[in-house]
Amino acid sequence: MRRHLLLLLTTAALVLPSTPRPAEPPSSAGLPSPVGKYWPAAGVVLPTRAAAGVFRWPVDGRPDPVRRFDPPPQPWLPGHRGVDLLAPAGAAIRAAGAGTVLFAGPVAGRPVVTVGHADGLRTTYEPVQPVVTVGAEVSAGTALGDLLAGHAGCPGAACLHWGLRHGPEYLDPLALLGLGRVRLLPLAEFEPWTGGVNAGRAGRAAGRRAGRTPRPSCRPGRRAAANPARSSW
């Protein structure tokens, strides 16, 4: 009798389904959290005091990046040594961080404002009709001038070309804000930015092999040697 009861209990245990374990949510450790169109940067090396929070966007309202930082593999080749931000013509352009106005005037027919910051950083803004003069001390958010229309390659009426340099080298200005990859607007003129943070290395290698080829991504904080013809600003 006891043997039959044990056999029945064993059979029931094999037939009845076991209680499923609750599914564990996927871990998000190590994954960036998208905020709007932007992701936190990774592996960006900037001077110690150039941290996110010290700098701000140079335009008011919601920024619209329409062209990425894409420096050339060699200083004398064409490239894009900054970020283009779509904004209305006449918009107030503001200092991205505290510093001193180093230059305010025309360069190759374009009005440019350059602000020097701590640790040898310099931000540039063009085409901007300046309302500041050389030597003026500015804070983050101080109006530098008014944005003019006619920036080459701009998909709208006006775009701000925002640049960053550390000594003779060009850097991605988005690194000042702790931002990395940017989803570009769906415009035919600009390729989607689909690569990762380290994809720029492959792009540079391809550029050296084939002269100048489109690169689908670039790493925030990538360096590019300055063009001697533009080293004055």
C-alpha atoms as a PDB file:
ATOM      1  CA  MET A   1       0.000   0.000   0.000  1.00  0.00           C
ATOM      2  CA  ARG A   2       2.768   2.399   0.943  1.00  0.00           C
ATOM      3  CA  ARG A   3       4.629   1.509  -2.274  1.00  0.00           C
ATOM      4  CA  HIS A   4       1.554   2.319  -4.405  1.00  0.00           C
ATOM      5  CA  LEU A   5       1.068   5.673  -2.622  1.00  0.00           C
ATOM      6  CA  LEU A   6       4.713   6.632  -3.194  1.00  0.00           C
ATOM      7  CA  LEU A   7       4.402   5.709  -6.892  1.00  0.00           C
ATOM      8  CA  LEU A   8       1.294   7.910  -7.271  1.00  0.00           C
ATOM      9  CA  LEU A   9       3.006  10.906  -5.616  1.00  0.00           C
ATOM     10  CA  THR A  10       6.070  10.534  -7.832  1.00  0.00           C
ATOM     11  CA  THR A  11       3.919  10.343 -10.982  1.00  0.00           C
ATOM     12  CA  ALA A  12       1.962  13.447  -9.962  1.00  0.00           C
ATOM     13  CA  ALA A  13       5.176  15.408  -9.412  1.00  0.00           C
ATOM     14  CA  LEU A  14       6.327  14.547 -12.919  1.00  0.00           C
ATOM     15  CA  VAL A  15       3.004  15.416 -14.581  1.00  0.00           C
ATOM     16  CA  LEU A  16       2.116  18.666 -12.792  1.00  0.00           C
ATOM     17  CA  PRO A  17       3.875  21.757 -14.304  1.00  0.00           C
ATOM     18  CA  SER A  18       6.321  23.526 -12.060  1.00  0.00           C
ATOM     19  CA  THR A  19       5.565  27.102 -10.973  1.00  0.00           C
ATOM     20  CA  PRO A  20       7.351  29.425 -13.418  1.00  0.00           C
ATOM     21  CA  ARG A  21       9.936  31.791 -11.956  1.00  0.00           C
ATOM     22  CA  PRO A  22       9.163  35.476 -12.450  1.00  0.00           C
ATOM     23  CA  ALA A  23      11.083  36.949 -15.352  1.00  0.00           C
ATOM     24  CA  GLU A  24      13.947  39.169 -14.284  1.00  0.00           C
ATOM     25  CA  PRO A  25      14.076  42.586 -15.895  1.00  0.00           C
ATOM     26  CA  PRO A  26      17.007  43.049 -18.253  1.00  0.00           C
ATOM     27  CA  SER A  27      19.950  44.737 -16.633  1.00  0.00           C
ATOM     28  CA  SER A  28      20.659  48.269 -17.765  1.00  0.00           C
ATOM     29  CA  ALA A  29      24.087  48.432 -16.187  1.00  0.00           C
ATOM     30  CA  GLY A  30      26.605  50.002 -18.506  1.00  0.00           C
ATOM     31  CA  LEU A  31      24.019  51.224 -21.017  1.00  0.00           C
ATOM     32  CA  PRO A  32      23.651  54.953 -21.676  1.00  0.00           C
ATOM     33  CA  SER A  33      20.309  56.553 -20.925  1.00  0.00           C
ATOM     34  CA  PRO A  34      19.115  58.599 -23.907  1.00  0.00           C
ATOM     35  CA  VAL A  35      17.886  62.078 -23.049  1.00  0.00           C
ATOM     36  CA  GLY A  36      16.135  63.596 -26.031  1.00  0.00           C
ATOM     37  CA  LYS A  37      18.531  63.363 -28.961  1.00  0.00           C
ATOM     38  CA  TYR A  38      21.692  62.964 -26.904  1.00  0.00           C
ATOM     39  CA  TRP A  39      23.653  60.265 -25.087  1.00  0.00           C
ATOM     40  CA  PRO A  40      26.360  60.643 -22.431  1.00  0.00           C
ATOM     41  CA  ALA A  41      29.858  60.633 -23.880  1.00  0.00           C
ATOM     42  CA  ALA A  42      32.336  57.890 -23.088  1.00  0.00           C
ATOM     43  CA  GLY A  43      36.112  58.044 -23.078  1.00  0.00           C
ATOM     44  CA  VAL A  44      36.312  61.794 -23.677  1.00  0.00           C
ATOM     45  CA  VAL A  45      39.524  63.321 -22.382  1.00  0.00           C
ATOM     46  CA  LEU A  46      39.359  67.029 -21.601  1.00  0.00           C
ATOM     47  CA  PRO A  47      41.234  69.234 -19.122  1.00  0.00           C
ATOM     48  CA  THR A  48      40.152  68.687 -15.516  1.00  0.00           C
ATOM     49  CA  ARG A  49      37.980  71.771 -15.134  1.00  0.00           C
ATOM     50  CA  ALA A  50      36.241  71.280 -18.483  1.00  0.00           C
ATOM     51  CA  ALA A  51      33.457  69.171 -16.994  1.00  0.00           C
ATOM     52  CA  ALA A  52      29.775  68.968 -17.811  1.00  0.00           C
ATOM     53  CA  GLY A  53      27.922  71.613 -15.830  1.00  0.00           C
ATOM     54  CA  VAL A  54      30.590  74.274 -16.377  1.00  0.00           C
ATOM     55  CA  PHE A  55      29.528  74.742 -19.992  1.00  0.00           C
ATOM     56  CA  ARG A  56      26.164  75.228 -21.689  1.00  0.00           C
ATOM     57  CA  TRP A  57      24.687  75.330 -25.196  1.00  0.00           C
ATOM     58  CA  PRO A  58      25.540  78.528 -27.084  1.00  0.00           C
ATOM     59  CA  VAL A  59      21.931  78.901 -28.285  1.00  0.00           C
ATOM     60  CA  ASP A  60      18.705  79.334 -26.338  1.00  0.00           C
ATOM     61  CA  GLY A  61      15.864  76.835 -26.473  1.00  0.00           C
ATOM     62  CA  ARG A  62      16.116  73.284 -27.735  1.00  0.00           C
ATOM     63  CA  PRO A  63      19.347  72.860 -29.737  1.00  0.00           C
ATOM     64  CA  ASP A  64      19.172  71.226 -33.164  1.00  0.00           C
ATOM     65  CA  PRO A  65      22.528  69.785 -34.310  1.00  0.00           C
ATOM     66  CA  VAL A  66      22.415  69.317 -38.071  1.00  0.00           C
ATOM     67  CA  ARG A  67      26.040  68.546 -38.874  1.00  0.00           C
ATOM     68  CA  ARG A  68      28.511  66.627 -36.767  1.00  0.00           C
ATOM     69  CA  PHE A  69      32.152  67.142 -35.876  1.00  0.00           C
ATOM     70  CA  ASP A  70      34.120  65.402 -38.628  1.00  0.00           C
ATOM     71  CA  PRO A  71      37.766  66.494 -38.750  1.00  0.00           C
ATOM     72  CA  PRO A  72      39.946  65.477 -41.689  1.00  0.00           C
ATOM     73  CA  PRO A  73      42.633  62.790 -41.368  1.00  0.00           C
ATOM     74  CA  GLN A  74      45.222  65.400 -42.367  1.00  0.00           C
ATOM     75  CA  PRO A  75      45.217  69.142 -41.480  1.00  0.00           C
ATOM     76  CA  TRP A  76      45.269  70.286 -45.109  1.00  0.00           C
ATOM     77  CA  LEU A  77      42.268  68.180 -46.190  1.00  0.00           C
ATOM     78  CA  PRO A  78      38.663  69.410 -46.068  1.00  0.00           C
ATOM     79  CA  GLY A  79      36.571  68.455 -43.062  1.00  0.00           C
ATOM     80  CA  HIS A  80      34.177  69.806 -40.477  1.00  0.00           C
ATOM     81  CA  ARG A  81      36.016  71.087 -37.418  1.00  0.00           C
ATOM     82  CA  GLY A  82      32.967  71.791 -35.277  1.00  0.00           C
ATOM     83  CA  VAL A  83      29.227  71.242 -34.888  1.00  0.00           C
ATOM     84  CA  ASP A  84      26.482  73.107 -36.774  1.00  0.00           C
ATOM     85  CA  LEU A  85      23.399  74.083 -34.761  1.00  0.00           C
ATOM     86  CA  LEU A  86      20.235  75.166 -36.555  1.00  0.00           C
ATOM     87  CA  ALA A  87      18.871  78.440 -35.146  1.00  0.00           C
ATOM     88  CA  PRO A  88      16.868  81.451 -36.379  1.00  0.00           C
ATOM     89  CA  ALA A  89      18.728  84.289 -38.051  1.00  0.00           C
ATOM     90  CA  GLY A  90      19.239  87.054 -35.507  1.00  0.00           C
ATOM     91  CA  ALA A  91      19.246  84.649 -32.558  1.00  0.00           C
ATOM     92  CA  ALA A  92      21.407  85.629 -29.608  1.00  0.00           C
ATOM     93  CA  ILE A  93      24.562  83.521 -29.460  1.00  0.00           C
ATOM     94  CA  ARG A  94      25.884  83.029 -25.941  1.00  0.00           C
ATOM     95  CA  ALA A  95      29.221  82.074 -24.443  1.00  0.00           C
ATOM     96  CA  ALA A  96      29.322  78.358 -23.739  1.00  0.00           C
ATOM     97  CA  GLY A  97      31.425  78.991 -20.639  1.00  0.00           C
ATOM     98  CA  ALA A  98      33.152  81.676 -18.617  1.00  0.00           C
ATOM     99  CA  GLY A  99      36.251  83.215 -20.139  1.00  0.00           C
ATOM    100  CA  THR A 100      37.758  86.130 -22.043  1.00  0.00           C
ATOM    101  CA  VAL A 101      36.961  87.300 -25.559  1.00  0.00           C
ATOM    102  CA  LEU A 102      40.128  86.709 -27.584  1.00  0.00           C
ATOM    103  CA  PHE A 103      38.832  87.672 -31.017  1.00  0.00           C
ATOM    104  CA  ALA A 104      35.770  89.398 -32.441  1.00  0.00           C
ATOM    105  CA  GLY A 105      35.869  90.238 -36.117  1.00  0.00           C
ATOM    106  CA  PRO A 106      35.972  88.921 -39.680  1.00  0.00           C
ATOM    107  CA  VAL A 107      37.967  85.877 -40.769  1.00  0.00           C
ATOM    108  CA  ALA A 108      37.919  85.155 -44.507  1.00  0.00           C
ATOM    109  CA  GLY A 109      34.802  87.301 -44.826  1.00  0.00           C
ATOM    110  CA  ARG A 110      32.932  85.624 -41.942  1.00  0.00           C
ATOM    111  CA  PRO A 111      32.390  87.302 -38.566  1.00  0.00           C
ATOM    112  CA  VAL A 112      33.820  85.133 -35.788  1.00  0.00           C
ATOM    113  CA  VAL A 113      33.925  85.376 -31.995  1.00  0.00           C
ATOM    114  CA  THR A 114      36.513  83.397 -30.019  1.00  0.00           C
ATOM    115  CA  VAL A 115      36.388  82.956 -26.242  1.00  0.00           C
ATOM    116  CA  GLY A 116      39.330  81.655 -24.223  1.00  0.00           C
ATOM    117  CA  HIS A 117      38.538  79.435 -21.242  1.00  0.00           C
ATOM    118  CA  ALA A 118      40.525  77.782 -18.460  1.00  0.00           C
ATOM    119  CA  ASP A 119      43.114  75.124 -19.286  1.00  0.00           C
ATOM    120  CA  GLY A 120      43.801  76.465 -22.772  1.00  0.00           C
ATOM    121  CA  LEU A 121      40.363  75.748 -24.241  1.00  0.00           C
ATOM    122  CA  ARG A 122      38.928  78.080 -26.876  1.00  0.00           C
ATOM    123  CA  THR A 123      35.404  78.070 -28.267  1.00  0.00           C
ATOM    124  CA  THR A 124      34.555  79.715 -31.587  1.00  0.00           C
ATOM    125  CA  TYR A 125      31.228  80.964 -32.911  1.00  0.00           C
ATOM    126  CA  GLU A 126      30.424  81.884 -36.523  1.00  0.00           C
ATOM    127  CA  PRO A 127      28.860  83.603 -38.389  1.00  0.00           C
ATOM    128  CA  VAL A 128      28.113  85.913 -35.465  1.00  0.00           C
ATOM    129  CA  GLN A 129      27.904  89.699 -35.555  1.00  0.00           C
ATOM    130  CA  PRO A 130      29.715  90.498 -32.301  1.00  0.00           C
ATOM    131  CA  VAL A 131      28.362  92.712 -29.529  1.00  0.00           C
ATOM    132  CA  VAL A 132      31.467  92.119 -27.393  1.00  0.00           C
ATOM    133  CA  THR A 133      35.011  93.403 -27.761  1.00  0.00           C
ATOM    134  CA  VAL A 134      38.392  91.762 -27.336  1.00  0.00           C
ATOM    135  CA  GLY A 135      39.387  91.545 -23.688  1.00  0.00           C
ATOM    136  CA  ALA A 136      35.838  91.454 -22.340  1.00  0.00           C
ATOM    137  CA  GLU A 137      35.239  88.994 -19.493  1.00  0.00           C
ATOM    138  CA  VAL A 138      32.170  86.830 -20.061  1.00  0.00           C
ATOM    139  CA  SER A 139      30.217  84.275 -18.063  1.00  0.00           C
ATOM    140  CA  ALA A 140      28.443  81.191 -19.339  1.00  0.00           C
ATOM    141  CA  GLY A 141      25.356  82.550 -21.091  1.00  0.00           C
ATOM    142  CA  THR A 142      26.689  86.040 -21.821  1.00  0.00           C
ATOM    143  CA  ALA A 143      25.472  87.270 -25.211  1.00  0.00           C
ATOM    144  CA  LEU A 144      28.352  87.377 -27.692  1.00  0.00           C
ATOM    145  CA  GLY A 145      26.444  88.570 -30.744  1.00  0.00           C
ATOM    146  CA  ASP A 146      23.675  87.876 -33.230  1.00  0.00           C
ATOM    147  CA  LEU A 147      23.598  84.901 -35.581  1.00  0.00           C
ATOM    148  CA  LEU A 148      23.771  85.781 -39.268  1.00  0.00           C
ATOM    149  CA  ALA A 149      22.253  83.827 -42.143  1.00  0.00           C
ATOM    150  CA  GLY A 150      24.194  82.223 -44.964  1.00  0.00           C
ATOM    151  CA  HIS A 151      26.380  79.597 -43.294  1.00  0.00           C
ATOM    152  CA  ALA A 152      27.523  77.169 -45.998  1.00  0.00           C
ATOM    153  CA  GLY A 153      25.778  73.800 -45.911  1.00  0.00           C
ATOM    154  CA  CYS A 154      23.065  74.908 -43.500  1.00  0.00           C
ATOM    155  CA  PRO A 155      19.703  73.241 -44.238  1.00  0.00           C
ATOM    156  CA  GLY A 156      17.820  76.268 -42.905  1.00  0.00           C
ATOM    157  CA  ALA A 157      18.107  80.027 -43.016  1.00  0.00           C
ATOM    158  CA  ALA A 158      20.855  80.156 -40.399  1.00  0.00           C
ATOM    159  CA  CYS A 159      23.209  77.830 -38.543  1.00  0.00           C
ATOM    160  CA  LEU A 160      25.785  78.438 -35.852  1.00  0.00           C
ATOM    161  CA  HIS A 161      29.136  76.781 -36.447  1.00  0.00           C
ATOM    162  CA  TRP A 162      30.401  76.029 -32.933  1.00  0.00           C
ATOM    163  CA  GLY A 163      34.007  74.971 -32.574  1.00  0.00           C
ATOM    164  CA  LEU A 164      36.379  73.926 -29.802  1.00  0.00           C
ATOM    165  CA  ARG A 165      40.159  73.957 -29.680  1.00  0.00           C
ATOM    166  CA  HIS A 166      42.729  72.973 -27.100  1.00  0.00           C
ATOM    167  CA  GLY A 167      46.004  74.489 -28.154  1.00  0.00           C
ATOM    168  CA  PRO A 168      46.433  73.722 -31.866  1.00  0.00           C
ATOM    169  CA  GLU A 169      44.002  70.792 -31.888  1.00  0.00           C
ATOM    170  CA  TYR A 170      40.324  70.789 -32.784  1.00  0.00           C
ATOM    171  CA  LEU A 171      37.938  68.857 -30.523  1.00  0.00           C
ATOM    172  CA  ASP A 172      34.251  67.997 -30.543  1.00  0.00           C
ATOM    173  CA  PRO A 173      32.446  70.827 -28.675  1.00  0.00           C
ATOM    174  CA  LEU A 174      29.701  68.421 -27.576  1.00  0.00           C
ATOM    175  CA  ALA A 175      32.276  66.884 -25.239  1.00  0.00           C
ATOM    176  CA  LEU A 176      32.058  70.062 -23.144  1.00  0.00           C
ATOM    177  CA  LEU A 177      28.478  69.109 -22.328  1.00  0.00           C
ATOM    178  CA  GLY A 178      29.218  65.468 -21.605  1.00  0.00           C
ATOM    179  CA  LEU A 179      27.366  64.467 -24.757  1.00  0.00           C
ATOM    180  CA  GLY A 180      28.338  61.861 -27.284  1.00  0.00           C
ATOM    181  CA  ARG A 181      26.509  60.457 -30.261  1.00  0.00           C
ATOM    182  CA  VAL A 182      23.815  62.651 -31.745  1.00  0.00           C
ATOM    183  CA  ARG A 183      20.893  61.568 -33.907  1.00  0.00           C
ATOM    184  CA  LEU A 184      21.073  63.970 -36.804  1.00  0.00           C
ATOM    185  CA  LEU A 185      17.959  65.388 -38.368  1.00  0.00           C
ATOM    186  CA  PRO A 186      16.651  63.255 -41.277  1.00  0.00           C
ATOM    187  CA  LEU A 187      18.101  65.482 -43.973  1.00  0.00           C
ATOM    188  CA  ALA A 188      19.373  64.154 -47.272  1.00  0.00           C
ATOM    189  CA  GLU A 189      22.461  66.354 -47.084  1.00  0.00           C
ATOM    190  CA  PHE A 190      23.832  64.628 -43.991  1.00  0.00           C
ATOM    191  CA  GLU A 191      24.459  60.941 -43.431  1.00  0.00           C
ATOM    192  CA  PRO A 192      23.019  59.326 -40.262  1.00  0.00           C
ATOM    193  CA  TRP A 193      25.383  59.090 -37.327  1.00  0.00           C
ATOM    194  CA  THR A 194      25.165  55.351 -36.652  1.00  0.00           C
ATOM    195  CA  GLY A 195      28.609  54.425 -35.412  1.00  0.00           C
ATOM    196  CA  GLY A 196      29.764  53.955 -31.850  1.00  0.00           C
ATOM    197  CA  VAL A 197      32.104  56.022 -29.764  1.00  0.00           C
ATOM    198  CA  ASN A 198      35.211  54.248 -31.040  1.00  0.00           C
ATOM    199  CA  ALA A 199      34.178  54.059 -34.683  1.00  0.00           C
ATOM    200  CA  GLY A 200      36.253  57.122 -35.545  1.00  0.00           C
ATOM    201  CA  ARG A 201      39.450  55.107 -35.480  1.00  0.00           C
ATOM    202  CA  ALA A 202      38.248  52.944 -38.356  1.00  0.00           C
ATOM    203  CA  GLY A 203      37.176  56.069 -40.203  1.00  0.00           C
ATOM    204  CA  ARG A 204      40.574  57.674 -39.834  1.00  0.00           C
ATOM    205  CA  ALA A 205      42.250  54.519 -41.140  1.00  0.00           C
ATOM    206  CA  ALA A 206      39.908  54.431 -44.130  1.00  0.00           C
ATOM    207  CA  GLY A 207      40.583  58.096 -44.774  1.00  0.00           C
ATOM    208  CA  ARG A 208      44.325  57.519 -44.905  1.00  0.00           C
ATOM    209  CA  ARG A 209      43.876  54.614 -47.344  1.00  0.00           C
ATOM    210  CA  ALA A 210      41.438  56.319 -49.688  1.00  0.00           C
ATOM    211  CA  GLY A 211      42.201  60.006 -49.328  1.00  0.00           C
ATOM    212  CA  ARG A 212      38.872  61.364 -48.098  1.00  0.00           C
ATOM    213  CA  THR A 213      35.944  59.017 -47.511  1.00  0.00           C
ATOM    214  CA  PRO A 214      32.688  59.555 -45.592  1.00  0.00           C
ATOM    215  CA  ARG A 215      32.825  58.250 -42.035  1.00  0.00           C
ATOM    216  CA  PRO A 216      29.549  57.203 -40.372  1.00  0.00           C
ATOM    217  CA  SER A 217      30.622  58.273 -36.892  1.00  0.00           C
ATOM    218  CA  CYS A 218      33.220  60.019 -34.845  1.00  0.00           C
ATOM    219  CA  ARG A 219      34.289  59.812 -31.236  1.00  0.00           C
ATOM    220  CA  PRO A 220      33.513  62.820 -29.015  1.00  0.00           C
ATOM    221  CA  GLY A 221      36.724  64.536 -28.119  1.00  0.00           C
ATOM    222  CA  ARG A 222      38.553  63.318 -31.208  1.00  0.00           C
ATOM    223  CA  ARG A 223      41.523  65.457 -32.003  1.00  0.00           C
ATOM    224  CA  ALA A 224      42.445  67.083 -35.265  1.00  0.00           C
ATOM    225  CA  ALA A 225      45.535  69.120 -35.928  1.00  0.00           C
ATOM    226  CA  ALA A 226      44.881  72.752 -36.649  1.00  0.00           C
ATOM    227  CA  ASN A 227      45.201  74.166 -40.125  1.00  0.00           C
ATOM    228  CA  PRO A 228      48.088  76.676 -40.018  1.00  0.00           C
ATOM    229  CA  ALA A 229      46.031  79.105 -42.108  1.00  0.00           C
ATOM    230  CA  ARG A 230      43.355  79.190 -39.377  1.00  0.00           C
ATOM    231  CA  SER A 231      45.605  79.084 -36.314  1.00  0.00           C
ATOM    232  CA  SER A 232      45.117  82.779 -35.502  1.00  0.00           C
ATOM    233  CA  TRP A 233      41.557  82.215 -34.247  1.00  0.00           C
END
